[in-house]
C-alpha atoms as a PDB file:
ATOM      1  CA  MET A   1       0.000   0.000   0.000  1.00  0.00           C
ATOM      2  CA  ILE A   2       1.151   3.512  -0.859  1.00  0.00           C
ATOM      3  CA  VAL A   3      -0.025   6.486   1.194  1.00  0.00           C
ATOM      4  CA  LEU A   4      -0.882   9.619  -0.805  1.00  0.00           C
ATOM      5  CA  LEU A   5      -0.530  13.099   0.699  1.00  0.00           C
ATOM      6  CA  ASP A   6      -1.584  16.479  -0.653  1.00  0.00           C
ATOM      7  CA  VAL A   7      -0.122  18.962   1.835  1.00  0.00           C
ATOM      8  CA  GLY A   8      -1.707  22.352   1.227  1.00  0.00           C
ATOM      9  CA  ASN A   9      -1.426  25.707   2.929  1.00  0.00           C
ATOM     10  CA  SER A  10      -4.031  24.994   5.596  1.00  0.00           C
ATOM     11  CA  ARG A  11      -4.721  21.251   5.582  1.00  0.00           C
ATOM     12  CA  ILE A  12      -3.580  17.836   4.387  1.00  0.00           C
ATOM     13  CA  LYS A  13      -5.608  15.508   2.205  1.00  0.00           C
ATOM     14  CA  LEU A  14      -4.747  11.840   2.742  1.00  0.00           C
ATOM     15  CA  GLY A  15      -5.545   8.737   0.753  1.00  0.00           C
ATOM     16  CA  TRP A  16      -3.993   5.451  -0.300  1.00  0.00           C
ATOM     17  CA  HIS A  17      -3.458   3.242  -3.326  1.00  0.00           C
ATOM     18  CA  HIS A  18      -2.984  -0.533  -3.333  1.00  0.00           C
ATOM     19  CA  PRO A  19      -1.983  -2.717  -6.309  1.00  0.00           C
ATOM     20  CA  THR A  20      -4.918  -5.091  -5.809  1.00  0.00           C
ATOM     21  CA  MET A  21      -7.313  -3.130  -3.581  1.00  0.00           C
ATOM     22  CA  GLY A  22      -7.273  -0.076  -5.847  1.00  0.00           C
ATOM     23  CA  ARG A  23      -7.697   3.497  -4.697  1.00  0.00           C
ATOM     24  CA  GLU A  24      -9.410   4.494  -1.469  1.00  0.00           C
ATOM     25  CA  ALA A  25     -12.803   5.933  -2.265  1.00  0.00           C
ATOM     26  CA  ALA A  26     -12.968   8.291   0.727  1.00  0.00           C
ATOM     27  CA  VAL A  27     -10.333  10.917   1.412  1.00  0.00           C
ATOM     28  CA  HIS A  28      -9.349  12.035   4.894  1.00  0.00           C
ATOM     29  CA  ALA A  29      -8.442  15.653   5.624  1.00  0.00           C
ATOM     30  CA  MET A  30      -6.737  17.137   8.668  1.00  0.00           C
ATOM     31  CA  ALA A  31      -5.878  20.715   9.579  1.00  0.00           C
ATOM     32  CA  LEU A  32      -2.260  21.800   9.779  1.00  0.00           C
ATOM     33  CA  SER A  33      -2.943  23.950  12.816  1.00  0.00           C
ATOM     34  CA  PRO A  34      -1.853  23.426  15.506  1.00  0.00           C
ATOM     35  CA  LEU A  35       1.330  21.863  14.131  1.00  0.00           C
ATOM     36  CA  THR A  36       2.169  20.196  17.429  1.00  0.00           C
ATOM     37  CA  GLN A  37      -0.801  17.850  17.002  1.00  0.00           C
ATOM     38  CA  LEU A  38      -0.001  16.915  13.409  1.00  0.00           C
ATOM     39  CA  PRO A  39       2.324  13.925  14.051  1.00  0.00           C
ATOM     40  CA  ASP A  40      -0.132  12.238  16.441  1.00  0.00           C
ATOM     41  CA  ALA A  41      -3.060  12.834  14.097  1.00  0.00           C
ATOM     42  CA  LEU A  42      -1.112  11.350  11.205  1.00  0.00           C
ATOM     43  CA  ARG A  43      -0.043   8.289  13.207  1.00  0.00           C
ATOM     44  CA  LYS A  44      -3.642   7.770  14.349  1.00  0.00           C
ATOM     45  CA  TRP A  45      -4.858   7.828  10.737  1.00  0.00           C
ATOM     46  CA  LEU A  46      -2.160   5.379   9.656  1.00  0.00           C
ATOM     47  CA  SER A  47      -3.309   2.967  12.365  1.00  0.00           C
ATOM     48  CA  THR A  48      -6.784   2.817  10.790  1.00  0.00           C
ATOM     49  CA  LEU A  49      -5.583   1.610   7.379  1.00  0.00           C
ATOM     50  CA  PRO A  50      -6.578  -1.924   6.314  1.00  0.00           C
ATOM     51  CA  VAL A  51      -2.994  -2.772   5.335  1.00  0.00           C
ATOM     52  CA  GLN A  52       0.287  -1.539   6.742  1.00  0.00           C
ATOM     53  CA  PRO A  53       1.693   0.985   4.227  1.00  0.00           C
ATOM     54  CA  ARG A  54       5.299   0.598   3.138  1.00  0.00           C
ATOM     55  CA  GLU A  55       5.840   3.901   1.385  1.00  0.00           C
ATOM     56  CA  ALA A  56       4.238   7.278   0.768  1.00  0.00           C
ATOM     57  CA  ARG A  57       4.149   9.798  -2.050  1.00  0.00           C
ATOM     58  CA  GLY A  58       3.164  13.381  -1.626  1.00  0.00           C
ATOM     59  CA  VAL A  59       3.362  16.999  -2.632  1.00  0.00           C
ATOM     60  CA  ASN A  60       3.950  19.793  -0.148  1.00  0.00           C
ATOM     61  CA  VAL A  61       3.442  23.543  -0.450  1.00  0.00           C
ATOM     62  CA  ALA A  62       3.436  24.172   3.322  1.00  0.00           C
ATOM     63  CA  GLY A  63       7.195  24.477   3.849  1.00  0.00           C
ATOM     64  CA  HIS A  64      10.079  22.564   5.380  1.00  0.00           C
ATOM     65  CA  VAL A  65       8.852  22.475   8.992  1.00  0.00           C
ATOM     66  CA  VAL A  66       5.629  20.715   8.013  1.00  0.00           C
ATOM     67  CA  ALA A  67       7.558  18.363   5.704  1.00  0.00           C
ATOM     68  CA  GLN A  68       9.906  17.351   8.516  1.00  0.00           C
ATOM     69  CA  LEU A  69       7.054  16.622  10.918  1.00  0.00           C
ATOM     70  CA  ILE A  70       5.362  14.438   8.327  1.00  0.00           C
ATOM     71  CA  GLU A  71       8.583  12.654   7.403  1.00  0.00           C
ATOM     72  CA  GLN A  72       9.294  11.852  11.043  1.00  0.00           C
ATOM     73  CA  ALA A  73       5.800  10.530  11.751  1.00  0.00           C
ATOM     74  CA  LEU A  74       5.815   8.354   8.627  1.00  0.00           C
ATOM     75  CA  ALA A  75       9.330   7.054   9.290  1.00  0.00           C
ATOM     76  CA  GLU A  76       8.316   5.963  12.788  1.00  0.00           C
ATOM     77  CA  SER A  77       5.543   3.933  11.133  1.00  0.00           C
ATOM     78  CA  GLY A  78       7.937   2.324   8.666  1.00  0.00           C
ATOM     79  CA  CYS A  79       6.560   4.330   5.770  1.00  0.00           C
ATOM     80  CA  PRO A  80       9.190   6.634   4.214  1.00  0.00           C
ATOM     81  CA  ILE A  81       7.865   9.373   1.931  1.00  0.00           C
ATOM     82  CA  GLN A  82       8.959  10.527  -1.497  1.00  0.00           C
ATOM     83  CA  TRP A  83       8.113  14.143  -2.207  1.00  0.00           C
ATOM     84  CA  ILE A  84       7.104  14.530  -5.846  1.00  0.00           C
ATOM     85  CA  LEU A  85       8.631  17.433  -7.782  1.00  0.00           C
ATOM     86  CA  PRO A  86       7.744  18.720 -11.251  1.00  0.00           C
ATOM     87  CA  THR A  87       9.638  17.385 -14.262  1.00  0.00           C
ATOM     88  CA  PRO A  88       9.672  18.433 -17.938  1.00  0.00           C
ATOM     89  CA  GLU A  89       7.492  15.426 -18.847  1.00  0.00           C
ATOM     90  CA  HIS A  90       5.762  12.521 -17.150  1.00  0.00           C
ATOM     91  CA  LEU A  91       2.938  10.110 -17.962  1.00  0.00           C
ATOM     92  CA  GLY A  92       2.426  11.737 -21.345  1.00  0.00           C
ATOM     93  CA  VAL A  93       2.047  15.263 -19.937  1.00  0.00           C
ATOM     94  CA  ARG A  94       4.578  17.896 -21.035  1.00  0.00           C
ATOM     95  CA  ASN A  95       5.462  20.778 -18.731  1.00  0.00           C
ATOM     96  CA  THR A  96       6.230  23.973 -20.681  1.00  0.00           C
ATOM     97  CA  TYR A  97       6.911  26.199 -17.681  1.00  0.00           C
ATOM     98  CA  ASP A  98       9.988  28.331 -18.462  1.00  0.00           C
ATOM     99  CA  LYS A  99      11.702  26.493 -15.611  1.00  0.00           C
ATOM    100  CA  PRO A 100       9.692  23.256 -15.177  1.00  0.00           C
ATOM    101  CA  SER A 101      11.051  22.647 -11.679  1.00  0.00           C
ATOM    102  CA  GLN A 102       9.509  25.935 -10.464  1.00  0.00           C
ATOM    103  CA  LEU A 103       5.952  24.852 -11.176  1.00  0.00           C
ATOM    104  CA  GLY A 104       4.112  24.099  -7.944  1.00  0.00           C
ATOM    105  CA  ALA A 105       4.289  20.398  -7.150  1.00  0.00           C
ATOM    106  CA  ASP A 106       0.571  20.364  -6.342  1.00  0.00           C
ATOM    107  CA  ARG A 107      -0.294  21.924  -9.698  1.00  0.00           C
ATOM    108  CA  TRP A 108       1.902  19.378 -11.506  1.00  0.00           C
ATOM    109  CA  ALA A 109       0.328  16.414  -9.721  1.00  0.00           C
ATOM    110  CA  ALA A 110      -3.151  17.837 -10.392  1.00  0.00           C
ATOM    111  CA  LEU A 111      -2.375  18.115 -14.108  1.00  0.00           C
ATOM    112  CA  LEU A 112      -1.265  14.475 -14.157  1.00  0.00           C
ATOM    113  CA  GLY A 113      -4.497  13.537 -12.435  1.00  0.00           C
ATOM    114  CA  LEU A 114      -6.500  15.648 -14.870  1.00  0.00           C
ATOM    115  CA  ALA A 115      -4.837  13.959 -17.846  1.00  0.00           C
ATOM    116  CA  GLY A 116      -5.775  10.583 -16.386  1.00  0.00           C
ATOM    117  CA  HIS A 117      -9.443  11.554 -16.238  1.00  0.00           C
ATOM    118  CA  PHE A 118      -9.476  12.780 -19.847  1.00  0.00           C
ATOM    119  CA  GLN A 119      -7.035  10.523 -21.686  1.00  0.00           C
ATOM    120  CA  ASP A 120      -8.986  10.691 -24.950  1.00  0.00           C
ATOM    121  CA  ALA A 121     -10.116  14.296 -24.743  1.00  0.00           C
ATOM    122  CA  GLN A 122     -10.205  16.199 -28.031  1.00  0.00           C
ATOM    123  CA  ALA A 123     -10.813  19.581 -26.404  1.00  0.00           C
ATOM    124  CA  PRO A 124      -8.536  21.676 -24.187  1.00  0.00           C
ATOM    125  CA  LEU A 125      -8.940  21.317 -20.441  1.00  0.00           C
ATOM    126  CA  VAL A 126      -9.009  24.184 -17.949  1.00  0.00           C
ATOM    127  CA  LEU A 127      -8.534  23.183 -14.311  1.00  0.00           C
ATOM    128  CA  ALA A 128      -9.656  25.779 -11.748  1.00  0.00           C
ATOM    129  CA  THR A 129      -8.853  24.914  -8.143  1.00  0.00           C
ATOM    130  CA  PHE A 130     -10.317  27.187  -5.477  1.00  0.00           C
ATOM    131  CA  GLY A 131      -8.281  26.792  -2.294  1.00  0.00           C
ATOM    132  CA  THR A 132      -6.263  29.180  -0.150  1.00  0.00           C
ATOM    133  CA  ALA A 133      -4.965  30.250  -3.532  1.00  0.00           C
ATOM    134  CA  THR A 134      -6.919  29.856  -6.744  1.00  0.00           C
ATOM    135  CA  THR A 135      -5.017  28.317  -9.644  1.00  0.00           C
ATOM    136  CA  ILE A 136      -6.342  28.126 -13.197  1.00  0.00           C
ATOM    137  CA  ASP A 137      -4.259  25.908 -15.502  1.00  0.00           C
ATOM    138  CA  THR A 138      -4.737  24.884 -19.119  1.00  0.00           C
ATOM    139  CA  LEU A 139      -3.879  21.509 -20.647  1.00  0.00           C
ATOM    140  CA  SER A 140      -3.940  21.177 -24.433  1.00  0.00           C
ATOM    141  CA  PRO A 141      -5.714  18.276 -26.189  1.00  0.00           C
ATOM    142  CA  ASP A 142      -2.311  16.643 -26.719  1.00  0.00           C
ATOM    143  CA  LYS A 143      -1.565  16.989 -22.981  1.00  0.00           C
ATOM    144  CA  VAL A 144       0.780  19.962 -23.024  1.00  0.00           C
ATOM    145  CA  PHE A 145       0.569  22.246 -20.001  1.00  0.00           C
ATOM    146  CA  LYS A 146       0.281  25.723 -21.496  1.00  0.00           C
ATOM    147  CA  GLY A 147       0.508  27.732 -18.268  1.00  0.00           C
ATOM    148  CA  GLY A 148      -1.903  29.255 -15.822  1.00  0.00           C
ATOM    149  CA  LEU A 149      -2.888  31.836 -13.236  1.00  0.00           C
ATOM    150  CA  ILE A 150      -2.383  32.111  -9.482  1.00  0.00           C
ATOM    151  CA  LEU A 151      -4.533  34.494  -7.463  1.00  0.00           C
ATOM    152  CA  PRO A 152      -5.790  34.687  -3.881  1.00  0.00           C
ATOM    153  CA  GLY A 153      -8.611  32.276  -3.155  1.00  0.00           C
ATOM    154  CA  PRO A 154     -12.056  33.521  -2.083  1.00  0.00           C
ATOM    155  CA  ALA A 155     -11.356  33.407   1.658  1.00  0.00           C
ATOM    156  CA  LEU A 156      -7.943  35.047   1.251  1.00  0.00           C
ATOM    157  CA  MET A 157      -9.467  37.863  -0.813  1.00  0.00           C
ATOM    158  CA  ARG A 158     -11.947  38.615   1.952  1.00  0.00           C
ATOM    159  CA  GLN A 159      -9.239  38.384   4.597  1.00  0.00           C
ATOM    160  CA  SER A 160      -6.923  40.753   2.730  1.00  0.00           C
ATOM    161  CA  LEU A 161      -9.633  43.411   2.525  1.00  0.00           C
ATOM    162  CA  ALA A 162     -10.338  43.125   6.247  1.00  0.00           C
ATOM    163  CA  GLN A 163      -6.657  43.300   7.203  1.00  0.00           C
ATOM    164  CA  GLY A 164      -5.498  45.831   4.645  1.00  0.00           C
ATOM    165  CA  THR A 165      -8.187  48.475   5.094  1.00  0.00           C
ATOM    166  CA  ALA A 166      -9.428  50.509   8.018  1.00  0.00           C
ATOM    167  CA  ASN A 167     -13.172  50.221   7.562  1.00  0.00           C
ATOM    168  CA  LEU A 168     -13.980  47.071   5.604  1.00  0.00           C
ATOM    169  CA  PRO A 169     -15.144  44.021   7.590  1.00  0.00           C
ATOM    170  CA  LEU A 170     -14.363  40.340   7.093  1.00  0.00           C
ATOM    171  CA  ALA A 171     -17.377  39.689   4.931  1.00  0.00           C
ATOM    172  CA  SER A 172     -19.437  36.742   3.828  1.00  0.00           C
ATOM    173  CA  GLY A 173     -22.875  36.683   2.380  1.00  0.00           C
ATOM    174  CA  ALA A 174     -25.033  36.495  -0.694  1.00  0.00           C
ATOM    175  CA  THR A 175     -24.058  38.045  -4.010  1.00  0.00           C
ATOM    176  CA  THR A 176     -26.297  40.316  -6.027  1.00  0.00           C
ATOM    177  CA  GLU A 177     -26.185  42.103  -9.363  1.00  0.00           C
ATOM    178  CA  TYR A 178     -26.067  45.590  -7.829  1.00  0.00           C
ATOM    179  CA  PRO A 179     -24.821  45.440  -4.238  1.00  0.00           C
ATOM    180  CA  THR A 180     -26.173  48.195  -2.004  1.00  0.00           C
ATOM    181  CA  GLN A 181     -24.546  47.026   1.240  1.00  0.00           C
ATOM    182  CA  THR A 182     -20.864  46.730   2.080  1.00  0.00           C
ATOM    183  CA  LEU A 183     -21.047  43.027   2.906  1.00  0.00           C
ATOM    184  CA  GLN A 184     -22.818  42.342  -0.390  1.00  0.00           C
ATOM    185  CA  ALA A 185     -20.294  44.478  -2.254  1.00  0.00           C
ATOM    186  CA  ILE A 186     -17.359  42.498  -0.882  1.00  0.00           C
ATOM    187  CA  ALA A 187     -18.968  39.084  -1.348  1.00  0.00           C
ATOM    188  CA  THR A 188     -20.024  39.893  -4.900  1.00  0.00           C
ATOM    189  CA  GLY A 189     -16.666  41.443  -5.752  1.00  0.00           C
ATOM    190  CA  VAL A 190     -14.754  38.378  -4.565  1.00  0.00           C
ATOM    191  CA  VAL A 191     -16.961  35.957  -6.493  1.00  0.00           C
ATOM    192  CA  ALA A 192     -16.879  38.148  -9.604  1.00  0.00           C
ATOM    193  CA  ALA A 193     -13.075  38.300  -9.511  1.00  0.00           C
ATOM    194  CA  GLN A 194     -12.797  34.513  -9.250  1.00  0.00           C
ATOM    195  CA  ALA A 195     -15.323  33.850 -12.005  1.00  0.00           C
ATOM    196  CA  GLY A 196     -13.803  36.531 -14.206  1.00  0.00           C
ATOM    197  CA  ALA A 197     -10.358  34.966 -13.999  1.00  0.00           C
ATOM    198  CA  VAL A 198     -11.838  31.601 -14.983  1.00  0.00           C
ATOM    199  CA  TRP A 199     -13.700  33.220 -17.887  1.00  0.00           C
ATOM    200  CA  ARG A 200     -10.459  34.827 -19.115  1.00  0.00           C
ATOM    201  CA  GLN A 201      -8.600  31.519 -19.302  1.00  0.00           C
ATOM    202  CA  CYS A 202     -11.521  29.674 -20.906  1.00  0.00           C
ATOM    203  CA  ASP A 203     -11.920  32.421 -23.495  1.00  0.00           C
ATOM    204  CA  ILE A 204      -8.200  32.344 -24.309  1.00  0.00           C
ATOM    205  CA  ALA A 205      -8.287  28.543 -24.610  1.00  0.00           C
ATOM    206  CA  GLN A 206     -11.249  28.622 -26.969  1.00  0.00           C
ATOM    207  CA  LYS A 207      -9.621  31.208 -29.233  1.00  0.00           C
ATOM    208  CA  TYR A 208      -6.209  29.491 -29.161  1.00  0.00           C
ATOM    209  CA  PHE A 209      -7.396  25.938 -29.829  1.00  0.00           C
ATOM    210  CA  GLY A 210     -10.521  26.736 -31.830  1.00  0.00           C
ATOM    211  CA  ALA A 211     -12.669  24.614 -29.523  1.00  0.00           C
ATOM    212  CA  ALA A 212     -14.537  25.227 -26.296  1.00  0.00           C
ATOM    213  CA  PRO A 213     -12.609  23.867 -23.324  1.00  0.00           C
ATOM    214  CA  THR A 214     -13.913  21.497 -20.695  1.00  0.00           C
ATOM    215  CA  LEU A 215     -13.812  23.406 -17.417  1.00  0.00           C
ATOM    216  CA  CYS A 216     -12.773  21.199 -14.509  1.00  0.00           C
ATOM    217  CA  VAL A 217     -13.204  22.592 -11.000  1.00  0.00           C
ATOM    218  CA  SER A 218     -12.016  21.582  -7.565  1.00  0.00           C
ATOM    219  CA  GLY A 219     -11.271  22.914  -4.098  1.00  0.00           C
ATOM    220  CA  GLY A 220     -13.103  23.946  -0.962  1.00  0.00           C
ATOM    221  CA  GLY A 221     -13.949  27.374  -2.354  1.00  0.00           C
ATOM    222  CA  TRP A 222     -15.885  25.996  -5.326  1.00  0.00           C
ATOM    223  CA  PRO A 223     -19.359  26.119  -3.680  1.00  0.00           C
ATOM    224  CA  GLU A 224     -18.888  29.834  -3.017  1.00  0.00           C
ATOM    225  CA  VAL A 225     -18.176  30.697  -6.652  1.00  0.00           C
ATOM    226  CA  GLU A 226     -20.152  27.951  -8.411  1.00  0.00           C
ATOM    227  CA  ALA A 227     -23.308  29.913  -9.189  1.00  0.00           C
ATOM    228  CA  GLU A 228     -21.403  32.830 -10.733  1.00  0.00           C
ATOM    229  CA  VAL A 229     -19.060  30.576 -12.716  1.00  0.00           C
ATOM    230  CA  ARG A 230     -21.998  28.610 -14.122  1.00  0.00           C
ATOM    231  CA  ARG A 231     -23.826  31.843 -14.957  1.00  0.00           C
ATOM    232  CA  MET A 232     -20.833  33.220 -16.857  1.00  0.00           C
ATOM    233  CA  HIS A 233     -20.157  29.893 -18.593  1.00  0.00           C
ATOM    234  CA  ALA A 234     -23.663  28.846 -19.583  1.00  0.00           C
ATOM    235  CA  GLY A 235     -23.352  26.077 -22.156  1.00  0.00           C
ATOM    236  CA  LEU A 236     -19.786  25.170 -21.235  1.00  0.00           C
ATOM    237  CA  LYS A 237     -19.125  21.639 -19.986  1.00  0.00           C
ATOM    238  CA  ILE A 238     -18.140  21.807 -16.317  1.00  0.00           C
ATOM    239  CA  GLU A 239     -16.772  18.787 -14.451  1.00  0.00           C
ATOM    240  CA  PHE A 240     -16.127  18.647 -10.694  1.00  0.00           C
ATOM    241  CA  ILE A 241     -13.006  16.647  -9.764  1.00  0.00           C
ATOM    242  CA  ALA A 242     -12.765  16.087  -6.036  1.00  0.00           C
ATOM    243  CA  ASN A 243      -9.055  15.335  -5.612  1.00  0.00           C
ATOM    244  CA  PRO A 244      -6.988  15.900  -8.762  1.00  0.00           C
ATOM    245  CA  VAL A 245      -3.709  16.032  -6.810  1.00  0.00           C
ATOM    246  CA  LEU A 246      -4.275  12.636  -5.188  1.00  0.00           C
ATOM    247  CA  ASP A 247      -5.442  11.313  -8.558  1.00  0.00           C
ATOM    248  CA  GLY A 248      -2.112  12.352 -10.033  1.00  0.00           C
ATOM    249  CA  LEU A 249      -0.133  10.807  -7.173  1.00  0.00           C
ATOM    250  CA  ALA A 250      -2.077   7.568  -7.612  1.00  0.00           C
ATOM    251  CA  ARG A 251      -1.202   7.518 -11.314  1.00  0.00           C
ATOM    252  CA  MET A 252       2.483   7.844 -10.433  1.00  0.00           C
ATOM    253  CA  SER A 253       2.255   4.826  -8.177  1.00  0.00           C
END
């Protein structure tokens, strides 16, 4: 059994893959804060697995301290981890970043997972992941990563307004076409910014490839922006992919 880890900015997603048992259907998530509790929480999860894992594969965007805590906890359980890093090409996907190694490891693994879901796709694929950061990446029909956007995720946008201004609150609430309250104005502005960035990349993909892309979406912030994205992309095929990073790690195993 191979343990799969997607270590994000605020939480870890955990799963496993077994040669004969296949991929775990459910995915476990745990918060990174407080860090002192992370090793025990990880060891407790490992103890619930149906088979003793012998190795782990993961991606980490949370820094060296978190990586060391995870490595230590896994090593104590006899399960050393290999951190996956981007390469110029893997599993039929080509990475055209100017410096391929500088692409985020989570984005690279997600692209590999995306390619696995759409191996015979004839249209371009746009993957929008709404997490702490929002990333919007484009994969060509012949599985070439063309590049993508990084912007603050919905929650981080709201937080930045609350922290960076004197009078704006930390807002949440319903969106509306013409906001007449501050909370509505912030909530609608955040959602509009997210949906607008997605529209930009889908529009560019359609013009570049001469075909409408399939928009694939993921991340905890998706429910917040879903209605506006669907409104702006009426008629476009939209697919929700729950765990593209873990899907990519499973393909590597």
